[in-house]
Structures are given as structure tokens and as C-alpha cells.
PDB file of all heavy atoms in Angstrom:
ATOM      1  N   LEU A   1     -63.559 -53.658-142.394  1.00  0.00           N
ATOM      2  CA  LEU A   1     -62.813 -52.487-141.919  1.00  0.00           C
ATOM      3  C   LEU A   1     -62.714 -51.515-143.094  1.00  0.00           C
ATOM      4  O   LEU A   1     -61.988 -51.780-144.059  1.00  0.00           O
ATOM      5  CB  LEU A   1     -61.427 -52.851-141.407  1.00  0.00           C
ATOM      6  CG  LEU A   1     -60.644 -51.711-140.779  1.00  0.00           C
ATOM      7  CD1 LEU A   1     -61.295 -51.274-139.466  1.00  0.00           C
ATOM      8  CD2 LEU A   1     -59.185 -52.110-140.531  1.00  0.00           C
ATOM      9  N   GLN A   2     -63.475 -50.449-143.032  1.00  0.00           N
ATOM     10  CA  GLN A   2     -63.427 -49.422-144.070  1.00  0.00           C
ATOM     11  C   GLN A   2     -62.389 -48.380-143.657  1.00  0.00           C
ATOM     12  O   GLN A   2     -62.514 -47.781-142.581  1.00  0.00           O
ATOM     13  CB  GLN A   2     -64.794 -48.767-144.228  1.00  0.00           C
ATOM     14  CG  GLN A   2     -64.843 -47.676-145.286  1.00  0.00           C
ATOM     15  CD  GLN A   2     -64.641 -48.201-146.671  1.00  0.00           C
ATOM     16  OE1 GLN A   2     -65.272 -49.174-147.073  1.00  0.00           O
ATOM     17  NE2 GLN A   2     -63.764 -47.553-147.445  1.00  0.00           N
ATOM     18  N   MET A   3     -61.388 -48.189-144.513  1.00  0.00           N
ATOM     19  CA  MET A   3     -60.274 -47.291-144.183  1.00  0.00           C
ATOM     20  C   MET A   3     -60.246 -46.131-145.174  1.00  0.00           C
ATOM     21  O   MET A   3     -60.342 -46.346-146.378  1.00  0.00           O
ATOM     22  CB  MET A   3     -58.960 -48.045-144.222  1.00  0.00           C
ATOM     23  CG  MET A   3     -58.954 -49.335-143.392  1.00  0.00           C
ATOM     24  SD  MET A   3     -57.352 -50.131-143.357  1.00  0.00           S
ATOM     25  CE  MET A   3     -57.189 -50.627-145.073  1.00  0.00           C
ATOM     26  N   SER A   4     -60.119 -44.935-144.683  1.00  0.00           N
ATOM     27  CA  SER A   4     -60.039 -43.770-145.529  1.00  0.00           C
ATOM     28  C   SER A   4     -58.926 -42.842-145.029  1.00  0.00           C
ATOM     29  O   SER A   4     -58.401 -43.043-143.944  1.00  0.00           O
ATOM     30  CB  SER A   4     -61.379 -43.027-145.573  1.00  0.00           C
ATOM     31  OG  SER A   4     -61.753 -42.595-144.278  1.00  0.00           O
ATOM     32  N   SER A   5     -58.625 -41.850-145.835  1.00  0.00           N
ATOM     33  CA  SER A   5     -57.541 -40.879-145.492  1.00  0.00           C
ATOM     34  C   SER A   5     -56.271 -41.616-145.103  1.00  0.00           C
ATOM     35  O   SER A   5     -55.621 -41.266-144.116  1.00  0.00           O
ATOM     36  CB  SER A   5     -57.992 -39.940-144.398  1.00  0.00           C
ATOM     37  OG  SER A   5     -59.150 -39.221-144.769  1.00  0.00           O
ATOM     38  N   LEU A   6     -55.922 -42.642-145.875  1.00  0.00           N
ATOM     39  CA  LEU A   6     -54.773 -43.469-145.538  1.00  0.00           C
ATOM     40  C   LEU A   6     -53.469 -42.720-145.673  1.00  0.00           C
ATOM     41  O   LEU A   6     -53.322 -41.870-146.566  1.00  0.00           O
ATOM     42  CB  LEU A   6     -54.774 -44.715-146.401  1.00  0.00           C
ATOM     43  CG  LEU A   6     -55.862 -45.741-146.050  1.00  0.00           C
ATOM     44  CD1 LEU A   6     -56.085 -46.732-147.187  1.00  0.00           C
ATOM     45  CD2 LEU A   6     -55.492 -46.486-144.763  1.00  0.00           C
ATOM     46  N   THR A   7     -52.542 -43.038-144.798  1.00  0.00           N
ATOM     47  CA  THR A   7     -51.204 -42.457-144.823  1.00  0.00           C
ATOM     48  C   THR A   7     -50.173 -43.586-144.902  1.00  0.00           C
ATOM     49  O   THR A   7     -50.501 -44.752-144.621  1.00  0.00           O
ATOM     50  CB  THR A   7     -50.944 -41.623-143.568  1.00  0.00           C
ATOM     51  OG1 THR A   7     -50.751 -42.503-142.462  1.00  0.00           O
ATOM     52  CG2 THR A   7     -52.105 -40.679-143.277  1.00  0.00           C
ATOM     53  N   PRO A   8     -48.935 -43.266-145.260  1.00  0.00           N
ATOM     54  CA  PRO A   8     -47.910 -44.330-145.292  1.00  0.00           C
ATOM     55  C   PRO A   8     -47.731 -45.024-143.941  1.00  0.00           C
ATOM     56  O   PRO A   8     -47.343 -46.206-143.930  1.00  0.00           O
ATOM     57  CB  PRO A   8     -46.641 -43.541-145.668  1.00  0.00           C
ATOM     58  CG  PRO A   8     -47.155 -42.415-146.512  1.00  0.00           C
ATOM     59  CD  PRO A   8     -48.446 -42.027-145.853  1.00  0.00           C
ATOM     60  N   GLU A   9     -48.085 -44.376-142.850  1.00  0.00           N
ATOM     61  CA  GLU A   9     -47.990 -44.994-141.549  1.00  0.00           C
ATOM     62  C   GLU A   9     -49.017 -46.105-141.337  1.00  0.00           C
ATOM     63  O   GLU A   9     -48.925 -46.883-140.377  1.00  0.00           O
ATOM     64  CB  GLU A   9     -48.157 -43.951-140.432  1.00  0.00           C
ATOM     65  CG  GLU A   9     -46.964 -42.993-140.267  1.00  0.00           C
ATOM     66  CD  GLU A   9     -46.787 -42.043-141.452  1.00  0.00           C
ATOM     67  OE1 GLU A   9     -47.829 -41.601-142.028  1.00  0.00           O
ATOM     68  OE2 GLU A   9     -45.639 -41.765-141.825  1.00  0.00           O
ATOM     69  N   ASP A  10     -49.998 -46.185-142.207  1.00  0.00           N
ATOM     70  CA  ASP A  10     -50.985 -47.256-142.144  1.00  0.00           C
ATOM     71  C   ASP A  10     -50.522 -48.516-142.860  1.00  0.00           C
ATOM     72  O   ASP A  10     -51.216 -49.541-142.816  1.00  0.00           O
ATOM     73  CB  ASP A  10     -52.306 -46.789-142.755  1.00  0.00           C
ATOM     74  CG  ASP A  10     -52.952 -45.664-141.963  1.00  0.00           C
ATOM     75  OD1 ASP A  10     -53.029 -45.742-140.729  1.00  0.00           O
ATOM     76  OD2 ASP A  10     -53.393 -44.680-142.614  1.00  0.00           O
ATOM     77  N   THR A  11     -49.387 -48.469-143.511  1.00  0.00           N
ATOM     78  CA  THR A  11     -48.837 -49.625-144.221  1.00  0.00           C
ATOM     79  C   THR A  11     -48.529 -50.737-143.226  1.00  0.00           C
ATOM     80  O   THR A  11     -47.789 -50.523-142.268  1.00  0.00           O
ATOM     81  CB  THR A  11     -47.571 -49.238-144.990  1.00  0.00           C
ATOM     82  OG1 THR A  11     -47.935 -48.312-146.030  1.00  0.00           O
ATOM     83  CG2 THR A  11     -46.929 -50.468-145.604  1.00  0.00           C
ATOM     84  N   ALA A  12     -49.092 -51.899-143.465  1.00  0.00           N
ATOM     85  CA  ALA A  12     -48.912 -53.038-142.563  1.00  0.00           C
ATOM     86  C   ALA A  12     -49.637 -54.256-143.128  1.00  0.00           C
ATOM     87  O   ALA A  12     -50.406 -54.132-144.084  1.00  0.00           O
ATOM     88  CB  ALA A  12     -49.466 -52.714-141.178  1.00  0.00           C
ATOM     89  N   VAL A  13     -49.394 -55.382-142.521  1.00  0.00           N
ATOM     90  CA  VAL A  13     -50.242 -56.558-142.756  1.00  0.00           C
ATOM     91  C   VAL A  13     -51.395 -56.460-141.769  1.00  0.00           C
ATOM     92  O   VAL A  13     -51.161 -56.318-140.552  1.00  0.00           O
ATOM     93  CB  VAL A  13     -49.475 -57.865-142.591  1.00  0.00           C
ATOM     94  CG1 VAL A  13     -50.425 -59.058-142.788  1.00  0.00           C
ATOM     95  CG2 VAL A  13     -48.315 -57.939-143.569  1.00  0.00           C
ATOM     96  N   TYR A  14     -52.612 -56.544-142.249  1.00  0.00           N
ATOM     97  CA  TYR A  14     -53.797 -56.444-141.424  1.00  0.00           C
ATOM     98  C   TYR A  14     -54.381 -57.835-141.189  1.00  0.00           C
ATOM     99  O   TYR A  14     -54.565 -58.614-142.133  1.00  0.00           O
ATOM    100  CB  TYR A  14     -54.822 -55.524-142.095  1.00  0.00           C
ATOM    101  CG  TYR A  14     -54.488 -54.069-141.965  1.00  0.00           C
ATOM    102  CD1 TYR A  14     -53.396 -53.529-142.657  1.00  0.00           C
ATOM    103  CD2 TYR A  14     -55.203 -53.213-141.125  1.00  0.00           C
ATOM    104  CE1 TYR A  14     -53.040 -52.189-142.538  1.00  0.00           C
ATOM    105  CE2 TYR A  14     -54.884 -51.880-140.998  1.00  0.00           C
ATOM    106  CZ  TYR A  14     -53.801 -51.370-141.692  1.00  0.00           C
ATOM    107  OH  TYR A  14     -53.456 -50.045-141.585  1.00  0.00           O
ATOM    108  N   TYR A  15     -54.660 -58.112-139.915  1.00  0.00           N
ATOM    109  CA  TYR A  15     -55.174 -59.407-139.519  1.00  0.00           C
ATOM    110  C   TYR A  15     -56.563 -59.278-138.877  1.00  0.00           C
ATOM    111  O   TYR A  15     -56.778 -58.398-138.053  1.00  0.00           O
ATOM    112  CB  TYR A  15     -54.235 -60.078-138.493  1.00  0.00           C
ATOM    113  CG  TYR A  15     -52.869 -60.395-139.006  1.00  0.00           C
ATOM    114  CD1 TYR A  15     -51.826 -59.477-138.891  1.00  0.00           C
ATOM    115  CD2 TYR A  15     -52.588 -61.617-139.576  1.00  0.00           C
ATOM    116  CE1 TYR A  15     -50.559 -59.758-139.367  1.00  0.00           C
ATOM    117  CE2 TYR A  15     -51.306 -61.930-140.045  1.00  0.00           C
ATOM    118  CZ  TYR A  15     -50.303 -60.983-139.932  1.00  0.00           C
ATOM    119  OH  TYR A  15     -49.039 -61.281-140.375  1.00  0.00           O
ATOM    120  N   CYS A  16     -57.407 -60.169-139.231  1.00  0.00           N
ATOM    121  CA  CYS A  16     -58.711 -60.319-138.593  1.00  0.00           C
ATOM    122  C   CYS A  16     -58.563 -61.301-137.455  1.00  0.00           C
ATOM    123  O   CYS A  16     -57.835 -62.296-137.566  1.00  0.00           O
ATOM    124  CB  CYS A  16     -59.709 -60.813-139.627  1.00  0.00           C
ATOM    125  SG  CYS A  16     -61.387 -61.057-139.028  1.00  0.00           S
ATOM    126  N   MET A  17     -59.256 -61.057-136.335  1.00  0.00           N
ATOM    127  CA  MET A  17     -59.178 -61.934-135.189  1.00  0.00           C
ATOM    128  C   MET A  17     -60.563 -62.112-134.566  1.00  0.00           C
ATOM    129  O   MET A  17     -61.321 -61.143-134.457  1.00  0.00           O
ATOM    130  CB  MET A  17     -58.223 -61.410-134.131  1.00  0.00           C
ATOM    131  CG  MET A  17     -58.020 -62.359-132.985  1.00  0.00           C
ATOM    132  SD  MET A  17     -57.260 -61.585-131.541  1.00  0.00           S
ATOM    133  CE  MET A  17     -58.622 -60.633-130.945  1.00  0.00           C
ATOM    134  N   ALA A  18     -60.851 -63.332-134.185  1.00  0.00           N
ATOM    135  CA  ALA A  18     -62.093 -63.619-133.469  1.00  0.00           C
ATOM    136  C   ALA A  18     -61.733 -64.046-132.042  1.00  0.00           C
ATOM    137  O   ALA A  18     -60.835 -64.844-131.834  1.00  0.00           O
ATOM    138  CB  ALA A  18     -62.857 -64.740-134.159  1.00  0.00           C
ATOM    139  N   VAL A  19     -62.474 -63.486-131.091  1.00  0.00           N
ATOM    140  CA  VAL A  19     -62.318 -63.894-129.682  1.00  0.00           C
ATOM    141  C   VAL A  19     -63.556 -64.654-129.281  1.00  0.00           C
ATOM    142  O   VAL A  19     -64.676 -64.147-129.393  1.00  0.00           O
ATOM    143  CB  VAL A  19     -62.135 -62.671-128.771  1.00  0.00           C
ATOM    144  CG1 VAL A  19     -61.913 -63.139-127.332  1.00  0.00           C
ATOM    145  CG2 VAL A  19     -60.973 -61.819-129.220  1.00  0.00           C
ATOM    146  N   ALA A  20     -63.346 -65.889-128.830  1.00  0.00           N
ATOM    147  CA  ALA A  20     -64.483 -66.720-128.425  1.00  0.00           C
ATOM    148  C   ALA A  20     -64.931 -66.352-127.017  1.00  0.00           C
ATOM    149  O   ALA A  20     -64.216 -65.691-126.254  1.00  0.00           O
ATOM    150  CB  ALA A  20     -64.081 -68.184-128.498  1.00  0.00           C
ATOM    151  N   LEU A  21     -66.101 -66.832-126.663  1.00  0.00           N
ATOM    152  CA  LEU A  21     -66.657 -66.557-125.351  1.00  0.00           C
ATOM    153  C   LEU A  21     -65.753 -67.050-124.241  1.00  0.00           C
ATOM    154  O   LEU A  21     -65.688 -66.477-123.155  1.00  0.00           O
ATOM    155  CB  LEU A  21     -68.069 -67.178-125.230  1.00  0.00           C
ATOM    156  CG  LEU A  21     -69.123 -66.560-126.115  1.00  0.00           C
ATOM    157  CD1 LEU A  21     -70.379 -67.393-126.130  1.00  0.00           C
ATOM    158  CD2 LEU A  21     -69.435 -65.125-125.657  1.00  0.00           C
ATOM    159  N   GLY A  22     -65.014 -68.139-124.515  1.00  0.00           N
ATOM    160  CA  GLY A  22     -64.099 -68.677-123.522  1.00  0.00           C
ATOM    161  C   GLY A  22     -62.727 -68.040-123.555  1.00  0.00           C
ATOM    162  O   GLY A  22     -61.841 -68.408-122.759  1.00  0.00           O
ATOM    163  N   GLY A  23     -62.509 -67.079-124.474  1.00  0.00           N
ATOM    164  CA  GLY A  23     -61.245 -66.378-124.541  1.00  0.00           C
ATOM    165  C   GLY A  23     -60.306 -66.827-125.643  1.00  0.00           C
ATOM    166  O   GLY A  23     -59.279 -66.189-125.889  1.00  0.00           O
ATOM    167  N   ARG A  24     -60.651 -67.918-126.312  1.00  0.00           N
ATOM    168  CA  ARG A  24     -59.768 -68.411-127.355  1.00  0.00           C
ATOM    169  C   ARG A  24     -59.731 -67.424-128.510  1.00  0.00           C
ATOM    170  O   ARG A  24     -60.761 -66.904-128.927  1.00  0.00           O
ATOM    171  CB  ARG A  24     -60.248 -69.784-127.856  1.00  0.00           C
ATOM    172  CG  ARG A  24     -59.411 -70.359-128.997  1.00  0.00           C
ATOM    173  CD  ARG A  24     -59.859 -71.738-129.359  1.00  0.00           C
ATOM    174  NE  ARG A  24     -59.070 -72.304-130.441  1.00  0.00           N
ATOM    175  CZ  ARG A  24     -59.139 -73.581-130.835  1.00  0.00           C
ATOM    176  NH1 ARG A  24     -59.958 -74.397-130.202  1.00  0.00           N
ATOM    177  NH2 ARG A  24     -58.377 -74.010-131.817  1.00  0.00           N
ATOM    178  N   ARG A  25     -58.528 -67.217-129.052  1.00  0.00           N
ATOM    179  CA  ARG A  25     -58.345 -66.301-130.173  1.00  0.00           C
ATOM    180  C   ARG A  25     -58.010 -67.062-131.443  1.00  0.00           C
ATOM    181  O   ARG A  25     -57.172 -67.965-131.435  1.00  0.00           O
ATOM    182  CB  ARG A  25     -57.209 -65.298-129.870  1.00  0.00           C
ATOM    183  CG  ARG A  25     -57.533 -64.398-128.705  1.00  0.00           C
ATOM    184  CD  ARG A  25     -56.475 -63.341-128.520  1.00  0.00           C
ATOM    185  NE  ARG A  25     -56.858 -62.359-127.521  1.00  0.00           N
ATOM    186  CZ  ARG A  25     -56.327 -61.143-127.408  1.00  0.00           C
ATOM    187  NH1 ARG A  25     -55.369 -60.771-128.245  1.00  0.00           N
ATOM    188  NH2 ARG A  25     -56.710 -60.324-126.465  1.00  0.00           N
ATOM    189  N   THR A  26     -58.671 -66.664-132.534  1.00  0.00           N
ATOM    190  CA  THR A  26     -58.405 -67.245-133.842  1.00  0.00           C
ATOM    191  C   THR A  26     -58.011 -66.126-134.800  1.00  0.00           C
ATOM    192  O   THR A  26     -58.671 -65.100-134.842  1.00  0.00           O
ATOM    193  CB  THR A  26     -59.647 -67.963-134.384  1.00  0.00           C
ATOM    194  OG1 THR A  26     -60.045 -68.991-133.470  1.00  0.00           O
ATOM    195  CG2 THR A  26     -59.371 -68.593-135.738  1.00  0.00           C
ATOM    196  N   TRP A  27     -56.962 -66.371-135.555  1.00  0.00           N
ATOM    197  CA  TRP A  27     -56.432 -65.367-136.476  1.00  0.00           C
ATOM    198  C   TRP A  27     -56.632 -65.775-137.930  1.00  0.00           C
ATOM    199  O   TRP A  27     -56.583 -66.959-138.274  1.00  0.00           O
ATOM    200  CB  TRP A  27     -54.927 -65.162-136.258  1.00  0.00           C
ATOM    201  CG  TRP A  27     -54.585 -64.603-134.940  1.00  0.00           C
ATOM    202  CD1 TRP A  27     -54.288 -65.281-133.797  1.00  0.00           C
ATOM    203  CD2 TRP A  27     -54.468 -63.204-134.598  1.00  0.00           C
ATOM    204  NE1 TRP A  27     -54.020 -64.406-132.769  1.00  0.00           N
ATOM    205  CE2 TRP A  27     -54.095 -63.125-133.231  1.00  0.00           C
ATOM    206  CE3 TRP A  27     -54.649 -62.017-135.319  1.00  0.00           C
ATOM    207  CZ2 TRP A  27     -53.902 -61.930-132.564  1.00  0.00           C
ATOM    208  CZ3 TRP A  27     -54.448 -60.820-134.653  1.00  0.00           C
ATOM    209  CH2 TRP A  27     -54.097 -60.760-133.289  1.00  0.00           C
ATOM    210  N   GLY A  28     -56.835 -64.765-138.769  1.00  0.00           N
ATOM    211  CA  GLY A  28     -56.816 -64.978-140.199  1.00  0.00           C
ATOM    212  C   GLY A  28     -55.383 -64.981-140.697  1.00  0.00           C
ATOM    213  O   GLY A  28     -54.429 -64.804-139.931  1.00  0.00           O
ATOM    214  N   GLN A  29     -55.233 -65.145-142.002  1.00  0.00           N
ATOM    215  CA  GLN A  29     -53.895 -65.255-142.585  1.00  0.00           C
ATOM    216  C   GLN A  29     -53.240 -63.899-142.840  1.00  0.00           C
ATOM    217  O   GLN A  29     -52.024 -63.839-143.063  1.00  0.00           O
ATOM    218  CB  GLN A  29     -53.941 -66.056-143.892  1.00  0.00           C
ATOM    219  CG  GLN A  29     -54.365 -65.260-145.132  1.00  0.00           C
ATOM    220  CD  GLN A  29     -55.842 -64.945-145.191  1.00  0.00           C
ATOM    221  OE1 GLN A  29     -56.625 -65.345-144.325  1.00  0.00           O
ATOM    222  NE2 GLN A  29     -56.247 -64.243-146.251  1.00  0.00           N
ATOM    223  N   GLY A  30     -54.020 -62.829-142.796  1.00  0.00           N
ATOM    224  CA  GLY A  30     -53.490 -61.491-143.000  1.00  0.00           C
ATOM    225  C   GLY A  30     -53.605 -61.035-144.436  1.00  0.00           C
ATOM    226  O   GLY A  30     -53.631 -61.849-145.368  1.00  0.00           O
ATOM    227  N   THR A  31     -53.705 -59.713-144.606  1.00  0.00           N
ATOM    228  CA  THR A  31     -53.742 -59.118-145.944  1.00  0.00           C
ATOM    229  C   THR A  31     -52.886 -57.842-145.930  1.00  0.00           C
ATOM    230  O   THR A  31     -52.967 -57.043-144.990  1.00  0.00           O
ATOM    231  CB  THR A  31     -55.189 -58.822-146.378  1.00  0.00           C
ATOM    232  OG1 THR A  31     -55.190 -58.336-147.724  1.00  0.00           O
ATOM    233  CG2 THR A  31     -55.863 -57.807-145.470  1.00  0.00           C
ATOM    234  N   GLN A  32     -52.074 -57.700-146.944  1.00  0.00           N
ATOM    235  CA  GLN A  32     -51.108 -56.578-146.987  1.00  0.00           C
ATOM    236  C   GLN A  32     -51.807 -55.298-147.459  1.00  0.00           C
ATOM    237  O   GLN A  32     -52.514 -55.301-148.482  1.00  0.00           O
ATOM    238  CB  GLN A  32     -49.962 -56.899-147.951  1.00  0.00           C
ATOM    239  CG  GLN A  32     -48.983 -55.779-148.143  1.00  0.00           C
ATOM    240  CD  GLN A  32     -48.114 -55.524-146.902  1.00  0.00           C
ATOM    241  OE1 GLN A  32     -47.585 -56.451-146.302  1.00  0.00           O
ATOM    242  NE2 GLN A  32     -47.973 -54.234-146.534  1.00  0.00           N
ATOM    243  N   VAL A  33     -51.569 -54.230-146.738  1.00  0.00           N
ATOM    244  CA  VAL A  33     -51.992 -52.886-147.120  1.00  0.00           C
ATOM    245  C   VAL A  33     -50.743 -52.021-147.267  1.00  0.00           C
ATOM    246  O   VAL A  33     -49.967 -51.896-146.314  1.00  0.00           O
ATOM    247  CB  VAL A  33     -52.955 -52.280-146.092  1.00  0.00           C
ATOM    248  CG1 VAL A  33     -53.210 -50.802-146.422  1.00  0.00           C
ATOM    249  CG2 VAL A  33     -54.253 -53.063-146.044  1.00  0.00           C
ATOM    250  N   THR A  34     -50.560 -51.463-148.438  1.00  0.00           N
ATOM    251  CA  THR A  34     -49.429 -50.588-148.696  1.00  0.00           C
ATOM    252  C   THR A  34     -49.939 -49.229-149.161  1.00  0.00           C
ATOM    253  O   THR A  34     -50.681 -49.145-150.143  1.00  0.00           O
ATOM    254  CB  THR A  34     -48.495 -51.177-149.756  1.00  0.00           C
ATOM    255  OG1 THR A  34     -48.058 -52.469-149.332  1.00  0.00           O
ATOM    256  CG2 THR A  34     -47.280 -50.289-149.987  1.00  0.00           C
ATOM    257  N   VAL A  35     -49.515 -48.183-148.449  1.00  0.00           N
ATOM    258  CA  VAL A  35     -49.917 -46.826-148.773  1.00  0.00           C
ATOM    259  C   VAL A  35     -48.675 -46.102-149.274  1.00  0.00           C
ATOM    260  O   VAL A  35     -47.756 -45.829-148.513  1.00  0.00           O
ATOM    261  CB  VAL A  35     -50.529 -46.092-147.572  1.00  0.00           C
ATOM    262  CG1 VAL A  35     -51.017 -44.701-148.007  1.00  0.00           C
ATOM    263  CG2 VAL A  35     -51.661 -46.905-146.973  1.00  0.00           C
ATOM    264  N   SER A  36     -48.650 -45.806-150.562  1.00  0.00           N
ATOM    265  CA  SER A  36     -47.461 -45.221-151.164  1.00  0.00           C
ATOM    266  C   SER A  36     -47.843 -44.502-152.448  1.00  0.00           C
ATOM    267  O   SER A  36     -48.756 -44.923-153.163  1.00  0.00           O
ATOM    268  CB  SER A  36     -46.421 -46.311-151.454  1.00  0.00           C
ATOM    269  OG  SER A  36     -45.303 -45.756-152.115  1.00  0.00           O
TER     270      SER A  36
END
């Protein structure tokens, strides 16, 4: 995920997710993005 022109409103924990063919969802542990 390439992010540009970031604003403080983009501050959040960002999570990656995979959706399997059967619908199962798998999440990553998250990574903090702080715009300040």
C-alpha cells in the first residue's frame, strides 16, 4: 500500500487481510501509521 499526501486523518493502525476462496479471512498483526 503506497500512501502519499498523508493527512492527520490517515493516522491509524493499518491491517493487511487475506480473503480465501471459501470466504475465510486472515488478518495481520497491524502496523501503526501516525501523521503529525
